[in-house]
Amino acid sequence: MATNVNINETKLWPDFVTKVFIDIMVDEVTKGNMPNGVFHNRTWSSMMYKLSTITKQLYQADQLKAKMHRLRAMYREFYSLKQNTGFGWNAETNTVTASEEVWKNYLKVWLN
């Protein structure tokens, strides 16, 4: 269930750009521009413009849509991990938390 991230993903979507994109999406959702869990074409255009203006890099709607889907998949994977395994989240430090035993059990599975 691991999410693979390749080199091109990291170059196109460094942490700063990903954070900006998430902030833009949150803003659009807050404004009510994601009815039924879907952004309309004009919203994608607006988000492309905002992201390009802030990052000085051009993005296409398909790139934004694909990134949103990858972020959703990562969120679902993390949420499931957090709900079912004893992992937690420290919002102050933005880090995963778990007991030593939980980490040992997790690493056994992934290292074998």
PDB file of N, CA and C in Angstrom:
ATOM      1  N   MET A   1       0.815  -1.185   0.000  1.00  0.00           N
ATOM      2  CA  MET A   1       0.000   0.000   0.000  1.00  0.00           C
ATOM      3  C   MET A   1       0.866   1.258   0.000  1.00  0.00           C
ATOM      4  N   ALA A   2       2.112   1.162  -0.329  1.00  0.00           N
ATOM      5  CA  ALA A   2       3.007   2.313  -0.329  1.00  0.00           C
ATOM      6  C   ALA A   2       2.744   3.183  -1.546  1.00  0.00           C
ATOM      7  N   THR A   3       2.825   4.480  -1.358  1.00  0.00           N
ATOM      8  CA  THR A   3       2.663   5.424  -2.450  1.00  0.00           C
ATOM      9  C   THR A   3       4.035   5.730  -3.013  1.00  0.00           C
ATOM     10  N   ASN A   4       4.224   5.448  -4.291  1.00  0.00           N
ATOM     11  CA  ASN A   4       5.520   5.690  -4.925  1.00  0.00           C
ATOM     12  C   ASN A   4       5.603   7.118  -5.431  1.00  0.00           C
ATOM     13  N   VAL A   5       6.737   7.735  -5.211  1.00  0.00           N
ATOM     14  CA  VAL A   5       6.981   9.086  -5.701  1.00  0.00           C
ATOM     15  C   VAL A   5       8.234   9.017  -6.551  1.00  0.00           C
ATOM     16  N   ASN A   6       8.133   9.436  -7.812  1.00  0.00           N
ATOM     17  CA  ASN A   6       9.311   9.380  -8.657  1.00  0.00           C
ATOM     18  C   ASN A   6      10.011  10.732  -8.721  1.00  0.00           C
ATOM     19  N   ILE A   7      11.167  10.732  -9.356  1.00  0.00           N
ATOM     20  CA  ILE A   7      11.998  11.942  -9.439  1.00  0.00           C
ATOM     21  C   ILE A   7      11.256  13.079 -10.144  1.00  0.00           C
ATOM     22  N   ASN A   8      10.565  12.779 -11.235  1.00  0.00           N
ATOM     23  CA  ASN A   8       9.843  13.826 -11.966  1.00  0.00           C
ATOM     24  C   ASN A   8       8.766  14.473 -11.097  1.00  0.00           C
ATOM     25  N   GLU A   9       8.116  13.665 -10.282  1.00  0.00           N
ATOM     26  CA  GLU A   9       7.095  14.192  -9.359  1.00  0.00           C
ATOM     27  C   GLU A   9       7.723  15.205  -8.408  1.00  0.00           C
ATOM     28  N   THR A  10       8.882  14.859  -7.875  1.00  0.00           N
ATOM     29  CA  THR A  10       9.560  15.738  -6.918  1.00  0.00           C
ATOM     30  C   THR A  10      10.030  17.020  -7.579  1.00  0.00           C
ATOM     31  N   LYS A  11      10.492  16.934  -8.816  1.00  0.00           N
ATOM     32  CA  LYS A  11      10.939  18.145  -9.533  1.00  0.00           C
ATOM     33  C   LYS A  11       9.771  19.057  -9.866  1.00  0.00           C
ATOM     34  N   LEU A  12       8.682  18.481 -10.340  1.00  0.00           N
ATOM     35  CA  LEU A  12       7.513  19.275 -10.730  1.00  0.00           C
ATOM     36  C   LEU A  12       6.731  19.771  -9.521  1.00  0.00           C
ATOM     37  N   TRP A  13       6.736  18.983  -8.444  1.00  0.00           N
ATOM     38  CA  TRP A  13       5.939  19.298  -7.274  1.00  0.00           C
ATOM     39  C   TRP A  13       6.790  19.306  -6.009  1.00  0.00           C
ATOM     40  N   PRO A  14       7.722  20.243  -5.882  1.00  0.00           N
ATOM     41  CA  PRO A  14       8.454  20.330  -4.609  1.00  0.00           C
ATOM     42  C   PRO A  14       7.479  20.677  -3.483  1.00  0.00           C
ATOM     43  N   ASP A  15       7.913  20.479  -2.262  1.00  0.00           N
ATOM     44  CA  ASP A  15       7.035  20.679  -1.106  1.00  0.00           C
ATOM     45  C   ASP A  15       6.351  22.043  -1.110  1.00  0.00           C
ATOM     46  N   PHE A  16       7.112  23.093  -1.435  1.00  0.00           N
ATOM     47  CA  PHE A  16       6.541  24.444  -1.445  1.00  0.00           C
ATOM     48  C   PHE A  16       5.364  24.534  -2.418  1.00  0.00           C
ATOM     49  N   VAL A  17       5.526  23.998  -3.615  1.00  0.00           N
ATOM     50  CA  VAL A  17       4.485  24.073  -4.643  1.00  0.00           C
ATOM     51  C   VAL A  17       3.273  23.243  -4.214  1.00  0.00           C
ATOM     52  N   THR A  18       3.532  22.080  -3.659  1.00  0.00           N
ATOM     53  CA  THR A  18       2.433  21.238  -3.177  1.00  0.00           C
ATOM     54  C   THR A  18       1.643  21.962  -2.100  1.00  0.00           C
ATOM     55  N   LYS A  19       2.319  22.594  -1.178  1.00  0.00           N
ATOM     56  CA  LYS A  19       1.648  23.349  -0.103  1.00  0.00           C
ATOM     57  C   LYS A  19       0.811  24.487  -0.685  1.00  0.00           C
ATOM     58  N   VAL A  20       1.372  25.216  -1.637  1.00  0.00           N
ATOM     59  CA  VAL A  20       0.633  26.311  -2.272  1.00  0.00           C
ATOM     60  C   VAL A  20      -0.610  25.767  -2.965  1.00  0.00           C
ATOM     61  N   PHE A  21      -0.458  24.664  -3.684  1.00  0.00           N
ATOM     62  CA  PHE A  21      -1.584  24.056  -4.388  1.00  0.00           C
ATOM     63  C   PHE A  21      -2.677  23.629  -3.404  1.00  0.00           C
ATOM     64  N   ILE A  22      -2.295  22.999  -2.319  1.00  0.00           N
ATOM     65  CA  ILE A  22      -3.274  22.593  -1.307  1.00  0.00           C
ATOM     66  C   ILE A  22      -3.981  23.816  -0.733  1.00  0.00           C
ATOM     67  N   ASP A  23      -3.226  24.862  -0.432  1.00  0.00           N
ATOM     68  CA  ASP A  23      -3.837  26.093   0.100  1.00  0.00           C
ATOM     69  C   ASP A  23      -4.834  26.683  -0.898  1.00  0.00           C
ATOM     70  N   ILE A  24      -4.495  26.651  -2.172  1.00  0.00           N
ATOM     71  CA  ILE A  24      -5.396  27.167  -3.213  1.00  0.00           C
ATOM     72  C   ILE A  24      -6.667  26.327  -3.264  1.00  0.00           C
ATOM     73  N   MET A  25      -6.511  25.001  -3.212  1.00  0.00           N
ATOM     74  CA  MET A  25      -7.693  24.128  -3.236  1.00  0.00           C
ATOM     75  C   MET A  25      -8.577  24.357  -2.014  1.00  0.00           C
ATOM     76  N   VAL A  26      -7.963  24.493  -0.842  1.00  0.00           N
ATOM     77  CA  VAL A  26      -8.738  24.743   0.380  1.00  0.00           C
ATOM     78  C   VAL A  26      -9.518  26.046   0.242  1.00  0.00           C
ATOM     79  N   ASP A  27      -8.870  27.066  -0.306  1.00  0.00           N
ATOM     80  CA  ASP A  27      -9.538  28.349  -0.515  1.00  0.00           C
ATOM     81  C   ASP A  27     -10.746  28.194  -1.439  1.00  0.00           C
ATOM     82  N   GLU A  28     -10.586  27.428  -2.513  1.00  0.00           N
ATOM     83  CA  GLU A  28     -11.695  27.231  -3.456  1.00  0.00           C
ATOM     84  C   GLU A  28     -12.837  26.444  -2.810  1.00  0.00           C
ATOM     85  N   VAL A  29     -12.497  25.439  -2.023  1.00  0.00           N
ATOM     86  CA  VAL A  29     -13.533  24.669  -1.322  1.00  0.00           C
ATOM     87  C   VAL A  29     -14.271  25.562  -0.335  1.00  0.00           C
ATOM     88  N   THR A  30     -13.522  26.390   0.399  1.00  0.00           N
ATOM     89  CA  THR A  30     -14.115  27.311   1.368  1.00  0.00           C
ATOM     90  C   THR A  30     -15.077  28.278   0.688  1.00  0.00           C
ATOM     91  N   LYS A  31     -14.752  28.675  -0.533  1.00  0.00           N
ATOM     92  CA  LYS A  31     -15.621  29.584  -1.293  1.00  0.00           C
ATOM     93  C   LYS A  31     -16.820  28.857  -1.907  1.00  0.00           C
ATOM     94  N   GLY A  32     -16.879  27.538  -1.722  1.00  0.00           N
ATOM     95  CA  GLY A  32     -18.008  26.771  -2.257  1.00  0.00           C
ATOM     96  C   GLY A  32     -17.822  26.339  -3.697  1.00  0.00           C
ATOM     97  N   ASN A  33     -16.593  26.341  -4.171  1.00  0.00           N
ATOM     98  CA  ASN A  33     -16.329  26.019  -5.575  1.00  0.00           C
ATOM     99  C   ASN A  33     -15.985  24.559  -5.832  1.00  0.00           C
ATOM    100  N   MET A  34     -16.441  23.667  -4.931  1.00  0.00           N
ATOM    101  CA  MET A  34     -16.253  22.233  -5.154  1.00  0.00           C
ATOM    102  C   MET A  34     -17.535  21.486  -4.784  1.00  0.00           C
ATOM    103  N   PRO A  35     -18.616  21.798  -5.497  1.00  0.00           N
ATOM    104  CA  PRO A  35     -19.870  21.119  -5.184  1.00  0.00           C
ATOM    105  C   PRO A  35     -19.771  19.634  -5.519  1.00  0.00           C
ATOM    106  N   ASN A  36     -20.308  18.809  -4.668  1.00  0.00           N
ATOM    107  CA  ASN A  36     -20.318  17.359  -4.883  1.00  0.00           C
ATOM    108  C   ASN A  36     -18.919  16.770  -5.035  1.00  0.00           C
ATOM    109  N   GLY A  37     -17.921  17.438  -4.457  1.00  0.00           N
ATOM    110  CA  GLY A  37     -16.564  16.899  -4.498  1.00  0.00           C
ATOM    111  C   GLY A  37     -15.857  17.059  -5.829  1.00  0.00           C
ATOM    112  N   VAL A  38     -16.338  17.950  -6.681  1.00  0.00           N
ATOM    113  CA  VAL A  38     -15.766  18.130  -8.016  1.00  0.00           C
ATOM    114  C   VAL A  38     -15.549  19.622  -8.284  1.00  0.00           C
ATOM    115  N   PHE A  39     -14.359  19.957  -8.765  1.00  0.00           N
ATOM    116  CA  PHE A  39     -14.096  21.320  -9.216  1.00  0.00           C
ATOM    117  C   PHE A  39     -14.578  21.458 -10.663  1.00  0.00           C
ATOM    118  N   HIS A  40     -15.220  22.579 -10.979  1.00  0.00           N
ATOM    119  CA  HIS A  40     -15.620  22.856 -12.357  1.00  0.00           C
ATOM    120  C   HIS A  40     -14.430  23.385 -13.153  1.00  0.00           C
ATOM    121  N   ASN A  41     -14.562  23.382 -14.474  1.00  0.00           N
ATOM    122  CA  ASN A  41     -13.458  23.815 -15.345  1.00  0.00           C
ATOM    123  C   ASN A  41     -12.976  25.227 -15.038  1.00  0.00           C
ATOM    124  N   ARG A  42     -13.893  26.137 -14.756  1.00  0.00           N
ATOM    125  CA  ARG A  42     -13.466  27.511 -14.469  1.00  0.00           C
ATOM    126  C   ARG A  42     -12.659  27.576 -13.169  1.00  0.00           C
ATOM    127  N   THR A  43     -12.973  26.701 -12.224  1.00  0.00           N
ATOM    128  CA  THR A  43     -12.209  26.653 -10.970  1.00  0.00           C
ATOM    129  C   THR A  43     -10.817  26.115 -11.232  1.00  0.00           C
ATOM    130  N   TRP A  44     -10.707  25.063 -12.075  1.00  0.00           N
ATOM    131  CA  TRP A  44      -9.377  24.549 -12.435  1.00  0.00           C
ATOM    132  C   TRP A  44      -8.558  25.650 -13.114  1.00  0.00           C
ATOM    133  N   SER A  45      -9.201  26.417 -13.991  1.00  0.00           N
ATOM    134  CA  SER A  45      -8.495  27.514 -14.679  1.00  0.00           C
ATOM    135  C   SER A  45      -8.013  28.553 -13.673  1.00  0.00           C
ATOM    136  N   SER A  46      -8.860  28.880 -12.735  1.00  0.00           N
ATOM    137  CA  SER A  46      -8.492  29.849 -11.707  1.00  0.00           C
ATOM    138  C   SER A  46      -7.325  29.331 -10.867  1.00  0.00           C
ATOM    139  N   MET A  47      -7.383  28.049 -10.507  1.00  0.00           N
ATOM    140  CA  MET A  47      -6.305  27.476  -9.701  1.00  0.00           C
ATOM    141  C   MET A  47      -4.997  27.412 -10.485  1.00  0.00           C
ATOM    142  N   MET A  48      -5.078  27.100 -11.793  1.00  0.00           N
ATOM    143  CA  MET A  48      -3.866  27.100 -12.635  1.00  0.00           C
ATOM    144  C   MET A  48      -3.230  28.488 -12.633  1.00  0.00           C
ATOM    145  N   TYR A  49      -4.054  29.500 -12.802  1.00  0.00           N
ATOM    146  CA  TYR A  49      -3.559  30.871 -12.835  1.00  0.00           C
ATOM    147  C   TYR A  49      -2.905  31.245 -11.503  1.00  0.00           C
ATOM    148  N   LYS A  50      -3.595  30.974 -10.400  1.00  0.00           N
ATOM    149  CA  LYS A  50      -3.056  31.316  -9.075  1.00  0.00           C
ATOM    150  C   LYS A  50      -1.743  30.588  -8.802  1.00  0.00           C
ATOM    151  N   LEU A  51      -1.697  29.295  -9.101  1.00  0.00           N
ATOM    152  CA  LEU A  51      -0.488  28.520  -8.850  1.00  0.00           C
ATOM    153  C   LEU A  51       0.666  29.027  -9.709  1.00  0.00           C
ATOM    154  N   SER A  52       0.393  29.300 -10.963  1.00  0.00           N
ATOM    155  CA  SER A  52       1.441  29.807 -11.865  1.00  0.00           C
ATOM    156  C   SER A  52       1.938  31.177 -11.426  1.00  0.00           C
ATOM    157  N   THR A  53       1.032  32.021 -10.964  1.00  0.00           N
ATOM    158  CA  THR A  53       1.412  33.360 -10.503  1.00  0.00           C
ATOM    159  C   THR A  53       2.331  33.270  -9.279  1.00  0.00           C
ATOM    160  N   ILE A  54       2.000  32.414  -8.360  1.00  0.00           N
ATOM    161  CA  ILE A  54       2.785  32.298  -7.125  1.00  0.00           C
ATOM    162  C   ILE A  54       4.113  31.598  -7.362  1.00  0.00           C
ATOM    163  N   THR A  55       4.099  30.516  -8.152  1.00  0.00           N
ATOM    164  CA  THR A  55       5.304  29.689  -8.318  1.00  0.00           C
ATOM    165  C   THR A  55       6.159  30.092  -9.514  1.00  0.00           C
ATOM    166  N   LYS A  56       5.620  30.929 -10.386  1.00  0.00           N
ATOM    167  CA  LYS A  56       6.321  31.333 -11.624  1.00  0.00           C
ATOM    168  C   LYS A  56       6.619  30.128 -12.514  1.00  0.00           C
ATOM    169  N   GLN A  57       5.727  29.142 -12.456  1.00  0.00           N
ATOM    170  CA  GLN A  57       5.857  27.915 -13.228  1.00  0.00           C
ATOM    171  C   GLN A  57       4.494  27.614 -13.834  1.00  0.00           C
ATOM    172  N   LEU A  58       4.471  27.201 -15.107  1.00  0.00           N
ATOM    173  CA  LEU A  58       3.198  26.913 -15.756  1.00  0.00           C
ATOM    174  C   LEU A  58       2.752  25.486 -15.480  1.00  0.00           C
ATOM    175  N   TYR A  59       1.490  25.345 -15.127  1.00  0.00           N
ATOM    176  CA  TYR A  59       0.882  24.043 -14.887  1.00  0.00           C
ATOM    177  C   TYR A  59      -0.371  23.938 -15.736  1.00  0.00           C
ATOM    178  N   GLN A  60      -0.640  22.741 -16.233  1.00  0.00           N
ATOM    179  CA  GLN A  60      -1.857  22.473 -16.992  1.00  0.00           C
ATOM    180  C   GLN A  60      -2.908  21.876 -16.051  1.00  0.00           C
ATOM    181  N   ALA A  61      -4.160  21.998 -16.439  1.00  0.00           N
ATOM    182  CA  ALA A  61      -5.252  21.469 -15.615  1.00  0.00           C
ATOM    183  C   ALA A  61      -5.063  19.974 -15.363  1.00  0.00           C
ATOM    184  N   ASP A  62      -4.629  19.231 -16.367  1.00  0.00           N
ATOM    185  CA  ASP A  62      -4.435  17.782 -16.191  1.00  0.00           C
ATOM    186  C   ASP A  62      -3.386  17.492 -15.120  1.00  0.00           C
ATOM    187  N   GLN A  63      -2.345  18.327 -15.044  1.00  0.00           N
ATOM    188  CA  GLN A  63      -1.318  18.143 -14.017  1.00  0.00           C
ATOM    189  C   GLN A  63      -1.904  18.398 -12.626  1.00  0.00           C
ATOM    190  N   LEU A  64      -2.721  19.428 -12.506  1.00  0.00           N
ATOM    191  CA  LEU A  64      -3.340  19.733 -11.221  1.00  0.00           C
ATOM    192  C   LEU A  64      -4.313  18.631 -10.814  1.00  0.00           C
ATOM    193  N   LYS A  65      -5.103  18.158 -11.771  1.00  0.00           N
ATOM    194  CA  LYS A  65      -6.063  17.098 -11.473  1.00  0.00           C
ATOM    195  C   LYS A  65      -5.338  15.822 -11.026  1.00  0.00           C
ATOM    196  N   ALA A  66      -4.267  15.477 -11.733  1.00  0.00           N
ATOM    197  CA  ALA A  66      -3.508  14.274 -11.380  1.00  0.00           C
ATOM    198  C   ALA A  66      -2.886  14.424  -9.995  1.00  0.00           C
ATOM    199  N   LYS A  67      -2.365  15.607  -9.698  1.00  0.00           N
ATOM    200  CA  LYS A  67      -1.763  15.834  -8.384  1.00  0.00           C
ATOM    201  C   LYS A  67      -2.828  15.736  -7.292  1.00  0.00           C
ATOM    202  N   MET A  68      -3.999  16.304  -7.538  1.00  0.00           N
ATOM    203  CA  MET A  68      -5.065  16.225  -6.551  1.00  0.00           C
ATOM    204  C   MET A  68      -5.437  14.763  -6.286  1.00  0.00           C
ATOM    205  N   HIS A  69      -5.508  13.953  -7.329  1.00  0.00           N
ATOM    206  CA  HIS A  69      -5.849  12.540  -7.155  1.00  0.00           C
ATOM    207  C   HIS A  69      -4.758  11.797  -6.378  1.00  0.00           C
ATOM    208  N   ARG A  70      -3.488  12.121  -6.636  1.00  0.00           N
ATOM    209  CA  ARG A  70      -2.394  11.502  -5.881  1.00  0.00           C
ATOM    210  C   ARG A  70      -2.439  11.929  -4.417  1.00  0.00           C
ATOM    211  N   LEU A  71      -2.726  13.204  -4.172  1.00  0.00           N
ATOM    212  CA  LEU A  71      -2.839  13.680  -2.794  1.00  0.00           C
ATOM    213  C   LEU A  71      -3.987  12.995  -2.075  1.00  0.00           C
ATOM    214  N   ARG A  72      -5.114  12.817  -2.760  1.00  0.00           N
ATOM    215  CA  ARG A  72      -6.260  12.115  -2.171  1.00  0.00           C
ATOM    216  C   ARG A  72      -5.877  10.681  -1.809  1.00  0.00           C
ATOM    217  N   ALA A  73      -5.175  10.012  -2.719  1.00  0.00           N
ATOM    218  CA  ALA A  73      -4.764   8.623  -2.464  1.00  0.00           C
ATOM    219  C   ALA A  73      -3.818   8.556  -1.270  1.00  0.00           C
ATOM    220  N   MET A  74      -2.888   9.501  -1.201  1.00  0.00           N
ATOM    221  CA  MET A  74      -1.954   9.535  -0.075  1.00  0.00           C
ATOM    222  C   MET A  74      -2.704   9.794   1.228  1.00  0.00           C
ATOM    223  N   TYR A  75      -3.669  10.698   1.193  1.00  0.00           N
ATOM    224  CA  TYR A  75      -4.462  10.997   2.387  1.00  0.00           C
ATOM    225  C   TYR A  75      -5.227   9.757   2.834  1.00  0.00           C
ATOM    226  N   ARG A  76      -5.880   9.079   1.904  1.00  0.00           N
ATOM    227  CA  ARG A  76      -6.645   7.875   2.265  1.00  0.00           C
ATOM    228  C   ARG A  76      -5.733   6.807   2.855  1.00  0.00           C
ATOM    229  N   GLU A  77      -4.559   6.636   2.264  1.00  0.00           N
ATOM    230  CA  GLU A  77      -3.600   5.658   2.772  1.00  0.00           C
ATOM    231  C   GLU A  77      -3.156   6.021   4.186  1.00  0.00           C
ATOM    232  N   PHE A  78      -2.817   7.287   4.386  1.00  0.00           N
ATOM    233  CA  PHE A  78      -2.384   7.734   5.715  1.00  0.00           C
ATOM    234  C   PHE A  78      -3.521   7.625   6.716  1.00  0.00           C
ATOM    235  N   TYR A  79      -4.716   8.017   6.330  1.00  0.00           N
ATOM    236  CA  TYR A  79      -5.873   7.952   7.228  1.00  0.00           C
ATOM    237  C   TYR A  79      -6.120   6.517   7.664  1.00  0.00           C
ATOM    238  N   SER A  80      -6.050   5.596   6.718  1.00  0.00           N
ATOM    239  CA  SER A  80      -6.237   4.185   7.038  1.00  0.00           C
ATOM    240  C   SER A  80      -5.148   3.691   7.977  1.00  0.00           C
ATOM    241  N   LEU A  81      -3.921   4.062   7.697  1.00  0.00           N
ATOM    242  CA  LEU A  81      -2.801   3.675   8.551  1.00  0.00           C
ATOM    243  C   LEU A  81      -3.015   4.199   9.970  1.00  0.00           C
ATOM    244  N   LYS A  82      -3.408   5.444  10.063  1.00  0.00           N
ATOM    245  CA  LYS A  82      -3.620   6.080  11.364  1.00  0.00           C
ATOM    246  C   LYS A  82      -4.775   5.433  12.130  1.00  0.00           C
ATOM    247  N   GLN A  83      -5.826   5.068  11.435  1.00  0.00           N
ATOM    248  CA  GLN A  83      -7.005   4.498  12.079  1.00  0.00           C
ATOM    249  C   GLN A  83      -6.808   3.055  12.521  1.00  0.00           C
ATOM    250  N   ASN A  84      -5.951   2.323  11.827  1.00  0.00           N
ATOM    251  CA  ASN A  84      -5.904   0.881  12.026  1.00  0.00           C
ATOM    252  C   ASN A  84      -4.626   0.320  12.623  1.00  0.00           C
ATOM    253  N   THR A  85      -3.637   1.144  12.899  1.00  0.00           N
ATOM    254  CA  THR A  85      -2.352   0.561  13.268  1.00  0.00           C
ATOM    255  C   THR A  85      -1.709   1.123  14.522  1.00  0.00           C
ATOM    256  N   GLY A  86      -2.278   2.140  15.119  1.00  0.00           N
ATOM    257  CA  GLY A  86      -1.647   2.727  16.288  1.00  0.00           C
ATOM    258  C   GLY A  86      -0.771   3.922  15.964  1.00  0.00           C
ATOM    259  N   PHE A  87      -0.695   4.286  14.671  1.00  0.00           N
ATOM    260  CA  PHE A  87       0.030   5.498  14.308  1.00  0.00           C
ATOM    261  C   PHE A  87      -0.853   6.697  14.593  1.00  0.00           C
ATOM    262  N   GLY A  88      -0.228   7.824  14.879  1.00  0.00           N
ATOM    263  CA  GLY A  88      -0.950   9.058  15.126  1.00  0.00           C
ATOM    264  C   GLY A  88      -0.283  10.206  14.399  1.00  0.00           C
ATOM    265  N   TRP A  89      -0.729  11.409  14.694  1.00  0.00           N
ATOM    266  CA  TRP A  89      -0.204  12.601  14.037  1.00  0.00           C
ATOM    267  C   TRP A  89      -0.064  13.709  15.064  1.00  0.00           C
ATOM    268  N   ASN A  90       1.121  14.330  15.097  1.00  0.00           N
ATOM    269  CA  ASN A  90       1.362  15.471  15.956  1.00  0.00           C
ATOM    270  C   ASN A  90       1.265  16.723  15.082  1.00  0.00           C
ATOM    271  N   ALA A  91       0.179  17.467  15.235  1.00  0.00           N
ATOM    272  CA  ALA A  91      -0.058  18.641  14.394  1.00  0.00           C
ATOM    273  C   ALA A  91       0.937  19.765  14.670  1.00  0.00           C
ATOM    274  N   GLU A  92       1.454  19.832  15.885  1.00  0.00           N
ATOM    275  CA  GLU A  92       2.431  20.879  16.210  1.00  0.00           C
ATOM    276  C   GLU A  92       3.738  20.700  15.443  1.00  0.00           C
ATOM    277  N   THR A  93       4.207  19.458  15.396  1.00  0.00           N
ATOM    278  CA  THR A  93       5.495  19.191  14.742  1.00  0.00           C
ATOM    279  C   THR A  93       5.341  18.622  13.337  1.00  0.00           C
ATOM    280  N   ASN A  94       4.084  18.382  12.916  1.00  0.00           N
ATOM    281  CA  ASN A  94       3.812  17.769  11.607  1.00  0.00           C
ATOM    282  C   ASN A  94       4.588  16.474  11.424  1.00  0.00           C
ATOM    283  N   THR A  95       4.510  15.613  12.429  1.00  0.00           N
ATOM    284  CA  THR A  95       5.204  14.334  12.362  1.00  0.00           C
ATOM    285  C   THR A  95       4.278  13.195  12.764  1.00  0.00           C
ATOM    286  N   VAL A  96       4.619  12.021  12.267  1.00  0.00           N
ATOM    287  CA  VAL A  96       3.898  10.811  12.624  1.00  0.00           C
ATOM    288  C   VAL A  96       4.343  10.388  14.014  1.00  0.00           C
ATOM    289  N   THR A  97       3.398   9.907  14.802  1.00  0.00           N
ATOM    290  CA  THR A  97       3.718   9.423  16.147  1.00  0.00           C
ATOM    291  C   THR A  97       3.304   7.961  16.263  1.00  0.00           C
ATOM    292  N   ALA A  98       4.063   7.224  17.043  1.00  0.00           N
ATOM    293  CA  ALA A  98       3.739   5.827  17.319  1.00  0.00           C
ATOM    294  C   ALA A  98       4.657   5.330  18.419  1.00  0.00           C
ATOM    295  N   SER A  99       4.200   4.290  19.094  1.00  0.00           N
ATOM    296  CA  SER A  99       5.043   3.678  20.118  1.00  0.00           C
ATOM    297  C   SER A  99       6.168   2.913  19.435  1.00  0.00           C
ATOM    298  N   GLU A 100       7.175   2.577  20.205  1.00  0.00           N
ATOM    299  CA  GLU A 100       8.302   1.818  19.653  1.00  0.00           C
ATOM    300  C   GLU A 100       7.828   0.475  19.101  1.00  0.00           C
ATOM    301  N   GLU A 101       6.891  -0.158  19.795  1.00  0.00           N
ATOM    302  CA  GLU A 101       6.371  -1.451  19.341  1.00  0.00           C
ATOM    303  C   GLU A 101       5.655  -1.333  17.993  1.00  0.00           C
ATOM    304  N   VAL A 102       4.864  -0.278  17.833  1.00  0.00           N
ATOM    305  CA  VAL A 102       4.153  -0.058  16.560  1.00  0.00           C
ATOM    306  C   VAL A 102       5.160   0.124  15.438  1.00  0.00           C
ATOM    307  N   TRP A 103       6.215   0.916  15.653  1.00  0.00           N
ATOM    308  CA  TRP A 103       7.250   1.120  14.637  1.00  0.00           C
ATOM    309  C   TRP A 103       7.939  -0.196  14.289  1.00  0.00           C
ATOM    310  N   LYS A 104       8.281  -0.992  15.301  1.00  0.00           N
ATOM    311  CA  LYS A 104       8.956  -2.273  15.046  1.00  0.00           C
ATOM    312  C   LYS A 104       8.081  -3.183  14.187  1.00  0.00           C
ATOM    313  N   ASN A 105       6.812  -3.284  14.530  1.00  0.00           N
ATOM    314  CA  ASN A 105       5.895  -4.130  13.758  1.00  0.00           C
ATOM    315  C   ASN A 105       5.729  -3.633  12.330  1.00  0.00           C
ATOM    316  N   TYR A 106       5.633  -2.331  12.166  1.00  0.00           N
ATOM    317  CA  TYR A 106       5.499  -1.738  10.838  1.00  0.00           C
ATOM    318  C   TYR A 106       6.741  -2.019   9.993  1.00  0.00           C
ATOM    319  N   LEU A 107       7.914  -1.806  10.570  1.00  0.00           N
ATOM    320  CA  LEU A 107       9.156  -2.015   9.842  1.00  0.00           C
ATOM    321  C   LEU A 107       9.391  -3.490   9.501  1.00  0.00           C
ATOM    322  N   LYS A 108       8.945  -4.395  10.349  1.00  0.00           N
ATOM    323  CA  LYS A 108       9.061  -5.832  10.043  1.00  0.00           C
ATOM    324  C   LYS A 108       8.345  -6.152   8.737  1.00  0.00           C
ATOM    325  N   VAL A 109       7.151  -5.621   8.598  1.00  0.00           N
ATOM    326  CA  VAL A 109       6.349  -5.875   7.390  1.00  0.00           C
ATOM    327  C   VAL A 109       7.035  -5.301   6.162  1.00  0.00           C
ATOM    328  N   TRP A 110       7.537  -4.074   6.240  1.00  0.00           N
ATOM    329  CA  TRP A 110       8.111  -3.395   5.082  1.00  0.00           C
ATOM    330  C   TRP A 110       9.516  -3.823   4.749  1.00  0.00           C
ATOM    331  N   LEU A 111      10.235  -4.370   5.706  1.00  0.00           N
ATOM    332  CA  LEU A 111      11.610  -4.789   5.437  1.00  0.00           C
ATOM    333  C   LEU A 111      11.696  -6.246   5.004  1.00  0.00           C
ATOM    334  N   ASN A 112      10.614  -6.969   5.115  1.00  0.00           N
ATOM    335  CA  ASN A 112      10.622  -8.384   4.698  1.00  0.00           C
ATOM    336  C   ASN A 112      10.122  -8.579   3.308  1.00  0.00           C
TER     337      ASN A 112
END
